[in-house]
């Protein structure tokens, strides 16, 4: 497999994102809402770099199932969210692909009463967006390849890798 982003580059960029977010929120308490399951590694690393009061909440949103490599119908499960009324939210996701998921989640959190919603994605695929959406914070822009590692998976495998790699086409086709 081809390593696209090394663990060292990820660590350095997460440090930078933590500093940017800390400066932008200027000590104001925030609620980091992570989108399960792909964000978990990113969330764990990022929150340790935020230097102000931080609450953590989780929700599940997915357009991919099993061995699928293209998005299907979006499902959202938000039972783990606290009351969002008046909270300043940082929505954290692993990857911005078409933009459908994150744009719907921003609207969902606003409908739950969030005072503000900013977005942070670890990865942004170039050339895949079908919904106009601009995240507030982006870790890395990447080519339109299926990637794994650092929380991202294929059929619930490879999340443990400390780097981001391109999954070979043969792995997605069984060849």
N, C-alpha and C. Protein backbone atom coordinates (compact mmCIF):
# COMPACT_ATOMS: atom_id res chain seq x y z
N UNK A 1 0.85 -1.18 0.00
CA UNK A 1 0.00 0.00 0.00
C UNK A 1 0.88 1.23 0.00
N UNK A 2 0.41 2.28 -0.63
CA UNK A 2 1.16 3.53 -0.77
C UNK A 2 0.80 4.49 0.37
N UNK A 3 1.81 4.89 1.17
CA UNK A 3 1.58 5.86 2.24
C UNK A 3 1.42 7.23 1.60
N UNK A 4 0.30 7.85 1.87
CA UNK A 4 0.00 9.17 1.32
C UNK A 4 0.43 10.28 2.28
N UNK A 5 0.16 10.08 3.57
CA UNK A 5 0.52 11.08 4.59
C UNK A 5 1.13 10.33 5.78
N UNK A 6 2.35 10.66 6.09
CA UNK A 6 3.07 9.97 7.17
C UNK A 6 2.51 10.36 8.54
N UNK A 7 2.79 9.53 9.53
CA UNK A 7 2.34 9.82 10.89
C UNK A 7 2.97 11.12 11.40
N UNK A 8 4.20 11.41 10.98
CA UNK A 8 4.86 12.65 11.40
C UNK A 8 4.15 13.88 10.83
N UNK A 9 3.78 13.82 9.56
CA UNK A 9 3.05 14.94 8.94
C UNK A 9 1.69 15.13 9.59
N UNK A 10 1.03 14.03 9.91
CA UNK A 10 -0.27 14.12 10.59
C UNK A 10 -0.10 14.79 11.94
N UNK A 11 0.87 14.33 12.72
CA UNK A 11 1.12 14.91 14.05
C UNK A 11 1.37 16.42 13.95
N UNK A 12 2.22 16.82 13.01
CA UNK A 12 2.53 18.25 12.86
C UNK A 12 1.30 19.06 12.47
N UNK A 13 0.50 18.52 11.57
CA UNK A 13 -0.70 19.26 11.12
C UNK A 13 -1.75 19.32 12.22
N UNK A 14 -1.90 18.26 12.99
CA UNK A 14 -2.85 18.29 14.11
C UNK A 14 -2.40 19.32 15.14
N UNK A 15 -1.10 19.43 15.37
CA UNK A 15 -0.57 20.49 16.26
C UNK A 15 -1.00 21.86 15.75
N UNK A 16 -0.83 22.09 14.45
CA UNK A 16 -1.19 23.38 13.84
C UNK A 16 -2.69 23.64 13.95
N UNK A 17 -3.50 22.63 13.67
CA UNK A 17 -4.96 22.79 13.77
C UNK A 17 -5.36 23.12 15.19
N UNK A 18 -4.77 22.43 16.16
CA UNK A 18 -5.07 22.71 17.56
C UNK A 18 -4.77 24.15 17.92
N UNK A 19 -3.66 24.67 17.45
CA UNK A 19 -3.30 26.07 17.72
C UNK A 19 -4.27 27.03 17.05
N UNK A 20 -4.65 26.75 15.81
CA UNK A 20 -5.61 27.61 15.08
C UNK A 20 -6.96 27.64 15.79
N UNK A 21 -7.45 26.47 16.15
CA UNK A 21 -8.76 26.37 16.79
C UNK A 21 -8.74 27.05 18.16
N UNK A 22 -7.69 26.82 18.93
CA UNK A 22 -7.55 27.46 20.24
C UNK A 22 -7.58 28.98 20.09
N UNK A 23 -6.85 29.50 19.12
CA UNK A 23 -6.82 30.95 18.91
C UNK A 23 -8.19 31.48 18.47
N UNK A 24 -8.84 30.76 17.57
CA UNK A 24 -10.13 31.22 17.05
C UNK A 24 -11.23 31.23 18.10
N UNK A 25 -11.24 30.26 18.99
CA UNK A 25 -12.27 30.20 20.02
C UNK A 25 -11.91 31.04 21.24
N UNK A 26 -10.67 31.46 21.34
CA UNK A 26 -10.22 32.45 22.33
C UNK A 26 -10.74 32.16 23.75
N UNK A 27 -10.55 30.93 24.21
CA UNK A 27 -10.92 30.58 25.57
C UNK A 27 -12.39 30.25 25.79
N UNK A 28 -13.19 30.43 24.76
CA UNK A 28 -14.63 30.16 24.85
C UNK A 28 -14.85 28.64 24.92
N UNK A 29 -15.69 28.16 25.82
CA UNK A 29 -15.96 26.72 25.86
C UNK A 29 -16.56 26.24 24.54
N UNK A 30 -16.10 25.09 24.10
CA UNK A 30 -16.65 24.50 22.87
C UNK A 30 -17.04 23.06 23.13
N UNK A 31 -17.94 22.59 22.28
CA UNK A 31 -18.30 21.18 22.28
C UNK A 31 -17.81 20.60 20.97
N UNK A 32 -16.86 19.70 21.06
CA UNK A 32 -16.36 19.01 19.88
C UNK A 32 -17.29 17.83 19.64
N UNK A 33 -17.95 17.83 18.50
CA UNK A 33 -18.85 16.74 18.12
C UNK A 33 -18.14 15.92 17.06
N UNK A 34 -17.76 14.71 17.43
CA UNK A 34 -17.07 13.82 16.50
C UNK A 34 -18.05 12.93 15.77
N UNK A 35 -17.77 12.73 14.49
CA UNK A 35 -18.61 11.86 13.66
C UNK A 35 -17.97 10.47 13.69
N UNK A 36 -18.70 9.54 14.34
CA UNK A 36 -18.20 8.17 14.46
C UNK A 36 -18.22 7.46 13.12
N UNK A 37 -17.37 6.54 12.91
CA UNK A 37 -16.31 6.06 13.78
C UNK A 37 -14.96 6.58 13.30
N UNK A 38 -14.94 7.07 12.09
CA UNK A 38 -13.68 7.47 11.47
C UNK A 38 -12.93 8.58 12.16
N UNK A 39 -13.60 9.41 12.94
CA UNK A 39 -12.94 10.56 13.55
C UNK A 39 -12.23 10.24 14.85
N UNK A 40 -12.39 9.06 15.41
CA UNK A 40 -11.94 8.80 16.78
C UNK A 40 -10.45 9.06 17.01
N UNK A 41 -9.60 8.62 16.12
CA UNK A 41 -8.16 8.82 16.30
C UNK A 41 -7.84 10.31 16.19
N UNK A 42 -8.40 10.97 15.19
CA UNK A 42 -8.21 12.40 14.98
C UNK A 42 -8.74 13.18 16.19
N UNK A 43 -9.92 12.84 16.66
CA UNK A 43 -10.51 13.52 17.81
C UNK A 43 -9.62 13.39 19.04
N UNK A 44 -9.15 12.19 19.32
CA UNK A 44 -8.30 11.96 20.50
C UNK A 44 -7.04 12.81 20.44
N UNK A 45 -6.43 12.88 19.27
CA UNK A 45 -5.20 13.67 19.14
C UNK A 45 -5.49 15.17 19.20
N UNK A 46 -6.53 15.61 18.52
CA UNK A 46 -6.81 17.05 18.44
C UNK A 46 -7.22 17.65 19.78
N UNK A 47 -8.08 16.99 20.52
CA UNK A 47 -8.56 17.60 21.77
C UNK A 47 -7.44 17.80 22.78
N UNK A 48 -6.39 17.00 22.69
CA UNK A 48 -5.26 17.18 23.60
C UNK A 48 -4.43 18.40 23.24
N UNK A 49 -4.72 19.01 22.12
CA UNK A 49 -4.00 20.20 21.69
C UNK A 49 -4.83 21.48 21.85
N UNK A 50 -6.07 21.33 22.32
CA UNK A 50 -6.93 22.49 22.54
C UNK A 50 -6.71 23.00 23.96
N UNK A 51 -6.48 24.29 24.06
CA UNK A 51 -6.11 24.87 25.35
C UNK A 51 -7.24 25.74 25.90
N UNK A 52 -8.42 25.16 26.05
CA UNK A 52 -9.57 25.84 26.65
C UNK A 52 -10.63 24.81 26.98
N UNK A 53 -11.66 25.21 27.71
CA UNK A 53 -12.69 24.24 28.11
C UNK A 53 -13.32 23.55 26.90
N UNK A 54 -13.26 22.23 26.93
CA UNK A 54 -13.73 21.44 25.79
C UNK A 54 -14.63 20.31 26.27
N UNK A 55 -15.84 20.25 25.73
CA UNK A 55 -16.75 19.13 25.95
C UNK A 55 -16.66 18.24 24.72
N UNK A 56 -16.95 16.97 24.90
CA UNK A 56 -16.89 16.03 23.79
C UNK A 56 -18.25 15.36 23.65
N UNK A 57 -18.71 15.28 22.42
CA UNK A 57 -19.95 14.58 22.11
C UNK A 57 -19.73 13.79 20.82
N UNK A 58 -20.56 12.81 20.60
CA UNK A 58 -20.41 11.95 19.43
C UNK A 58 -21.76 11.73 18.75
N UNK A 59 -21.71 11.56 17.45
CA UNK A 59 -22.87 11.13 16.70
C UNK A 59 -22.37 10.20 15.61
N UNK A 60 -23.29 9.48 15.04
CA UNK A 60 -22.92 8.54 13.98
C UNK A 60 -23.65 8.95 12.71
N UNK A 61 -22.88 9.08 11.66
CA UNK A 61 -23.45 9.39 10.35
C UNK A 61 -22.65 8.62 9.33
N UNK A 62 -23.34 7.94 8.45
CA UNK A 62 -22.62 7.14 7.48
C UNK A 62 -23.39 7.03 6.18
N UNK A 63 -22.62 7.06 5.10
CA UNK A 63 -23.17 6.80 3.77
C UNK A 63 -22.53 5.55 3.18
N UNK A 64 -21.59 4.97 3.90
CA UNK A 64 -20.88 3.78 3.40
C UNK A 64 -21.21 2.59 4.28
N UNK A 65 -21.38 1.46 3.68
CA UNK A 65 -21.68 0.24 4.42
C UNK A 65 -20.79 -0.89 3.91
N UNK A 66 -20.22 -1.64 4.84
CA UNK A 66 -19.43 -2.82 4.47
C UNK A 66 -18.31 -2.51 3.51
N UNK A 67 -18.30 -3.17 2.37
CA UNK A 67 -17.22 -3.01 1.40
C UNK A 67 -17.50 -1.90 0.39
N UNK A 68 -18.53 -1.11 0.60
CA UNK A 68 -18.86 -0.04 -0.35
C UNK A 68 -17.75 1.00 -0.39
N UNK A 69 -17.44 1.46 -1.60
CA UNK A 69 -16.44 2.52 -1.77
C UNK A 69 -17.05 3.77 -2.38
N UNK A 70 -18.37 3.77 -2.54
CA UNK A 70 -19.07 4.98 -2.97
C UNK A 70 -20.26 5.19 -2.04
N UNK A 71 -20.62 6.47 -1.83
CA UNK A 71 -21.65 6.77 -0.83
C UNK A 71 -23.04 6.34 -1.26
N UNK A 72 -23.83 5.94 -0.24
CA UNK A 72 -25.23 5.61 -0.44
C UNK A 72 -26.09 6.58 0.35
N UNK A 73 -27.21 6.11 0.88
CA UNK A 73 -28.12 6.95 1.66
C UNK A 73 -27.51 7.28 3.02
N UNK A 74 -27.62 8.54 3.44
CA UNK A 74 -27.07 8.99 4.71
C UNK A 74 -27.99 8.59 5.86
N UNK A 75 -27.39 7.98 6.89
CA UNK A 75 -28.13 7.70 8.12
C UNK A 75 -27.42 8.44 9.26
N UNK A 76 -28.22 9.05 10.15
CA UNK A 76 -27.68 9.81 11.29
C UNK A 76 -28.27 9.24 12.57
N UNK A 77 -27.40 8.99 13.54
CA UNK A 77 -27.83 8.56 14.87
C UNK A 77 -27.21 9.54 15.86
N UNK A 78 -28.06 10.25 16.59
CA UNK A 78 -27.56 11.30 17.49
C UNK A 78 -27.95 11.09 18.95
N UNK A 79 -28.24 9.86 19.34
CA UNK A 79 -28.65 9.59 20.73
C UNK A 79 -27.58 9.96 21.74
N UNK A 80 -26.33 10.00 21.33
CA UNK A 80 -25.23 10.30 22.26
C UNK A 80 -25.00 11.80 22.44
N UNK A 81 -25.73 12.63 21.70
CA UNK A 81 -25.55 14.08 21.84
C UNK A 81 -26.22 14.59 23.11
N UNK A 82 -25.55 15.51 23.81
CA UNK A 82 -26.21 16.20 24.93
C UNK A 82 -27.14 17.27 24.36
N UNK A 83 -27.81 17.99 25.22
CA UNK A 83 -28.60 19.13 24.78
C UNK A 83 -27.64 20.13 24.12
N UNK A 84 -27.89 20.48 22.89
CA UNK A 84 -26.98 21.34 22.14
C UNK A 84 -27.33 22.83 22.25
N UNK A 85 -28.39 23.14 22.94
CA UNK A 85 -28.86 24.52 23.03
C UNK A 85 -27.78 25.46 23.55
N UNK A 86 -27.45 26.46 22.75
CA UNK A 86 -26.51 27.50 23.14
C UNK A 86 -25.04 27.12 23.07
N UNK A 87 -24.73 25.93 22.63
CA UNK A 87 -23.33 25.49 22.59
C UNK A 87 -22.63 25.98 21.32
N UNK A 88 -21.35 26.27 21.48
CA UNK A 88 -20.49 26.56 20.34
C UNK A 88 -19.83 25.24 19.95
N UNK A 89 -20.11 24.79 18.75
CA UNK A 89 -19.77 23.44 18.32
C UNK A 89 -18.65 23.46 17.29
N UNK A 90 -17.73 22.52 17.46
CA UNK A 90 -16.76 22.20 16.42
C UNK A 90 -17.09 20.79 15.95
N UNK A 91 -17.64 20.69 14.75
CA UNK A 91 -17.99 19.40 14.17
C UNK A 91 -16.75 18.82 13.52
N UNK A 92 -16.36 17.64 13.95
CA UNK A 92 -15.11 17.02 13.53
C UNK A 92 -15.40 15.76 12.73
N UNK A 93 -14.88 15.70 11.51
CA UNK A 93 -15.07 14.51 10.68
C UNK A 93 -13.74 14.11 10.07
N UNK A 94 -13.66 12.86 9.67
CA UNK A 94 -12.41 12.37 9.12
C UNK A 94 -12.18 12.85 7.69
N UNK A 95 -13.24 12.88 6.87
CA UNK A 95 -13.02 13.17 5.45
C UNK A 95 -14.20 13.93 4.85
N UNK A 96 -13.90 14.90 4.03
CA UNK A 96 -14.90 15.62 3.23
C UNK A 96 -14.80 15.06 1.83
N UNK A 97 -15.84 14.37 1.42
CA UNK A 97 -15.87 13.71 0.13
C UNK A 97 -16.85 14.48 -0.76
N UNK A 98 -18.11 14.11 -0.76
CA UNK A 98 -19.10 14.81 -1.59
C UNK A 98 -19.59 16.11 -0.93
N UNK A 99 -19.48 16.16 0.41
CA UNK A 99 -19.99 17.31 1.16
C UNK A 99 -21.40 17.11 1.68
N UNK A 100 -22.06 16.06 1.24
CA UNK A 100 -23.45 15.81 1.66
C UNK A 100 -23.55 15.59 3.16
N UNK A 101 -22.68 14.74 3.70
CA UNK A 101 -22.77 14.40 5.12
C UNK A 101 -22.54 15.61 6.00
N UNK A 102 -21.43 16.29 5.80
CA UNK A 102 -21.09 17.38 6.71
C UNK A 102 -22.08 18.53 6.61
N UNK A 103 -22.57 18.83 5.42
CA UNK A 103 -23.53 19.93 5.29
C UNK A 103 -24.84 19.58 6.00
N UNK A 104 -25.27 18.33 5.89
CA UNK A 104 -26.49 17.91 6.59
C UNK A 104 -26.29 17.90 8.10
N UNK A 105 -25.10 17.52 8.55
CA UNK A 105 -24.84 17.50 9.98
C UNK A 105 -24.78 18.90 10.58
N UNK A 106 -24.24 19.85 9.83
CA UNK A 106 -24.25 21.25 10.30
C UNK A 106 -25.68 21.71 10.49
N UNK A 107 -26.52 21.47 9.51
CA UNK A 107 -27.94 21.84 9.62
C UNK A 107 -28.61 21.12 10.80
N UNK A 108 -28.27 19.86 10.99
CA UNK A 108 -28.84 19.06 12.08
C UNK A 108 -28.48 19.67 13.43
N UNK A 109 -27.21 20.02 13.62
CA UNK A 109 -26.77 20.59 14.89
C UNK A 109 -27.38 21.96 15.14
N UNK A 110 -27.52 22.75 14.10
CA UNK A 110 -28.17 24.06 14.24
C UNK A 110 -29.64 23.87 14.64
N UNK A 111 -30.28 22.86 14.06
CA UNK A 111 -31.69 22.60 14.40
C UNK A 111 -31.85 22.13 15.85
N UNK A 112 -30.77 21.62 16.43
CA UNK A 112 -30.76 21.18 17.83
C UNK A 112 -30.46 22.34 18.78
N UNK A 113 -30.27 23.55 18.23
CA UNK A 113 -30.08 24.73 19.07
C UNK A 113 -28.66 25.20 19.28
N UNK A 114 -27.70 24.65 18.55
CA UNK A 114 -26.32 25.10 18.69
C UNK A 114 -26.22 26.59 18.38
N UNK A 115 -25.46 27.31 19.20
CA UNK A 115 -25.27 28.75 18.99
C UNK A 115 -24.43 29.01 17.75
N UNK A 116 -23.45 28.15 17.51
CA UNK A 116 -22.62 28.25 16.31
C UNK A 116 -22.06 26.86 16.00
N UNK A 117 -21.77 26.64 14.73
CA UNK A 117 -21.17 25.38 14.31
C UNK A 117 -20.04 25.69 13.34
N UNK A 118 -18.84 25.30 13.73
CA UNK A 118 -17.68 25.35 12.84
C UNK A 118 -17.32 23.91 12.51
N UNK A 119 -16.60 23.73 11.41
CA UNK A 119 -16.30 22.38 10.96
C UNK A 119 -14.80 22.19 10.77
N UNK A 120 -14.36 20.98 11.06
CA UNK A 120 -12.96 20.60 10.89
C UNK A 120 -12.93 19.21 10.28
N UNK A 121 -12.21 19.06 9.18
CA UNK A 121 -12.03 17.76 8.56
C UNK A 121 -10.54 17.46 8.45
N UNK A 122 -10.20 16.23 8.69
CA UNK A 122 -8.80 15.84 8.54
C UNK A 122 -8.40 15.86 7.08
N UNK A 123 -9.27 15.31 6.23
CA UNK A 123 -8.97 15.19 4.81
C UNK A 123 -10.07 15.80 3.96
N UNK A 124 -9.66 16.38 2.86
CA UNK A 124 -10.61 16.91 1.87
C UNK A 124 -10.21 16.35 0.52
N UNK A 125 -11.08 15.53 -0.07
CA UNK A 125 -10.81 14.96 -1.39
C UNK A 125 -11.04 16.01 -2.46
N UNK A 126 -10.07 16.16 -3.31
CA UNK A 126 -10.16 17.12 -4.40
C UNK A 126 -10.99 16.52 -5.54
N UNK A 127 -11.95 17.31 -6.02
CA UNK A 127 -12.72 16.90 -7.18
C UNK A 127 -13.92 16.02 -6.90
N UNK A 128 -14.28 15.82 -5.65
CA UNK A 128 -15.39 14.92 -5.32
C UNK A 128 -16.64 15.64 -4.84
N UNK A 129 -16.51 16.91 -4.43
CA UNK A 129 -17.66 17.58 -3.83
C UNK A 129 -18.78 17.79 -4.83
N UNK A 130 -19.99 17.42 -4.38
CA UNK A 130 -21.18 17.66 -5.18
C UNK A 130 -22.07 18.70 -4.50
N UNK A 131 -21.76 18.99 -3.23
CA UNK A 131 -22.48 19.99 -2.45
C UNK A 131 -21.51 21.11 -2.13
N UNK A 132 -21.93 22.35 -2.38
CA UNK A 132 -21.07 23.48 -2.08
C UNK A 132 -20.96 23.63 -0.56
N UNK A 133 -19.74 23.48 -0.06
CA UNK A 133 -19.51 23.56 1.37
C UNK A 133 -18.04 23.86 1.60
N UNK A 134 -17.77 24.80 2.50
CA UNK A 134 -16.39 25.16 2.82
C UNK A 134 -16.15 24.93 4.31
N UNK A 135 -15.32 23.91 4.66
CA UNK A 135 -15.03 23.68 6.07
C UNK A 135 -14.18 24.81 6.65
N UNK A 136 -14.28 25.02 7.95
CA UNK A 136 -13.50 26.05 8.61
C UNK A 136 -12.03 25.65 8.76
N UNK A 137 -11.78 24.37 8.96
CA UNK A 137 -10.43 23.87 9.15
C UNK A 137 -10.26 22.59 8.34
N UNK A 138 -9.12 22.49 7.63
CA UNK A 138 -8.82 21.31 6.82
C UNK A 138 -7.40 20.86 7.15
N UNK A 139 -7.26 19.58 7.44
CA UNK A 139 -5.93 19.04 7.67
C UNK A 139 -5.13 18.93 6.39
N UNK A 140 -5.63 18.16 5.44
CA UNK A 140 -4.91 17.91 4.19
C UNK A 140 -5.90 17.81 3.03
N UNK A 141 -5.50 18.34 1.88
CA UNK A 141 -6.22 18.09 0.63
C UNK A 141 -5.55 16.87 0.00
N UNK A 142 -6.38 15.93 -0.47
CA UNK A 142 -5.85 14.69 -1.04
C UNK A 142 -6.49 14.43 -2.40
N UNK A 143 -5.84 13.59 -3.20
CA UNK A 143 -6.45 13.21 -4.49
C UNK A 143 -7.65 12.30 -4.28
N UNK A 144 -8.40 12.12 -5.33
CA UNK A 144 -9.60 11.28 -5.30
C UNK A 144 -9.20 9.80 -5.32
N UNK A 145 -8.75 9.33 -4.18
CA UNK A 145 -8.36 7.93 -3.98
C UNK A 145 -9.06 7.42 -2.73
N UNK A 146 -9.27 6.11 -2.64
CA UNK A 146 -9.84 5.53 -1.44
C UNK A 146 -8.72 5.37 -0.43
N UNK A 147 -8.84 6.05 0.72
CA UNK A 147 -7.76 6.06 1.70
C UNK A 147 -8.18 5.36 2.99
N UNK A 148 -7.15 4.86 3.68
CA UNK A 148 -7.33 4.14 4.93
C UNK A 148 -6.29 4.60 5.94
N UNK A 149 -6.52 4.26 7.20
CA UNK A 149 -5.56 4.56 8.25
C UNK A 149 -5.96 5.78 9.04
N UNK A 150 -5.37 5.93 10.22
CA UNK A 150 -5.63 7.05 11.13
C UNK A 150 -7.14 7.24 11.34
N UNK A 151 -7.82 6.11 11.51
CA UNK A 151 -9.26 6.13 11.76
C UNK A 151 -10.12 5.77 10.57
N UNK A 152 -9.61 5.95 9.37
CA UNK A 152 -10.38 5.63 8.17
C UNK A 152 -10.26 4.14 7.86
N UNK A 153 -11.35 3.58 7.35
CA UNK A 153 -11.37 2.14 7.17
C UNK A 153 -11.84 1.71 5.79
N UNK A 154 -11.65 0.43 5.54
CA UNK A 154 -12.32 -0.29 4.46
C UNK A 154 -12.88 -1.55 5.10
N UNK A 155 -14.19 -1.69 5.10
CA UNK A 155 -14.87 -2.84 5.70
C UNK A 155 -14.45 -3.01 7.17
N UNK A 156 -14.29 -1.88 7.86
CA UNK A 156 -13.94 -1.81 9.28
C UNK A 156 -12.53 -2.31 9.59
N UNK A 157 -11.65 -2.31 8.61
CA UNK A 157 -10.25 -2.68 8.78
C UNK A 157 -9.36 -1.46 8.52
N UNK A 158 -8.16 -1.51 9.02
CA UNK A 158 -7.09 -0.53 8.77
C UNK A 158 -7.18 0.75 9.59
N UNK A 159 -8.18 0.92 10.44
CA UNK A 159 -8.30 2.15 11.23
C UNK A 159 -7.08 2.38 12.12
N UNK A 160 -6.42 1.31 12.53
CA UNK A 160 -5.31 1.37 13.48
C UNK A 160 -4.01 1.92 12.89
N UNK A 161 -3.90 2.01 11.59
CA UNK A 161 -2.64 2.45 10.98
C UNK A 161 -2.33 3.89 11.41
N UNK A 162 -1.08 4.19 11.76
CA UNK A 162 -0.73 5.53 12.23
C UNK A 162 -0.52 6.54 11.11
N UNK A 163 -0.69 6.13 9.88
CA UNK A 163 -0.52 6.97 8.70
C UNK A 163 -1.76 6.83 7.82
N UNK A 164 -1.81 7.63 6.76
CA UNK A 164 -2.91 7.53 5.79
C UNK A 164 -2.33 6.97 4.51
N UNK A 165 -2.98 5.94 4.01
CA UNK A 165 -2.48 5.25 2.82
C UNK A 165 -3.60 5.11 1.80
N UNK A 166 -3.19 4.93 0.57
CA UNK A 166 -4.14 4.65 -0.52
C UNK A 166 -4.38 3.15 -0.54
N UNK A 167 -5.64 2.77 -0.49
CA UNK A 167 -5.99 1.36 -0.55
C UNK A 167 -5.86 0.92 -2.00
N UNK A 168 -5.08 -0.13 -2.27
CA UNK A 168 -4.95 -0.60 -3.65
C UNK A 168 -6.31 -1.01 -4.24
N UNK A 169 -6.51 -0.73 -5.50
CA UNK A 169 -7.77 -1.09 -6.16
C UNK A 169 -8.09 -2.57 -6.00
N UNK A 170 -7.06 -3.41 -5.99
CA UNK A 170 -7.29 -4.85 -5.87
C UNK A 170 -7.94 -5.22 -4.54
N UNK A 171 -7.72 -4.42 -3.51
CA UNK A 171 -8.31 -4.70 -2.19
C UNK A 171 -9.81 -4.42 -2.19
N UNK A 172 -10.26 -3.47 -2.99
CA UNK A 172 -11.69 -3.13 -3.01
C UNK A 172 -12.47 -4.00 -3.99
N UNK A 173 -11.76 -4.65 -4.90
CA UNK A 173 -12.44 -5.48 -5.88
C UNK A 173 -12.27 -6.96 -5.60
N UNK A 174 -11.44 -7.27 -4.60
CA UNK A 174 -11.23 -8.68 -4.24
C UNK A 174 -10.22 -9.37 -5.14
N UNK A 175 -9.52 -8.61 -5.99
CA UNK A 175 -8.58 -9.22 -6.94
C UNK A 175 -7.17 -9.24 -6.50
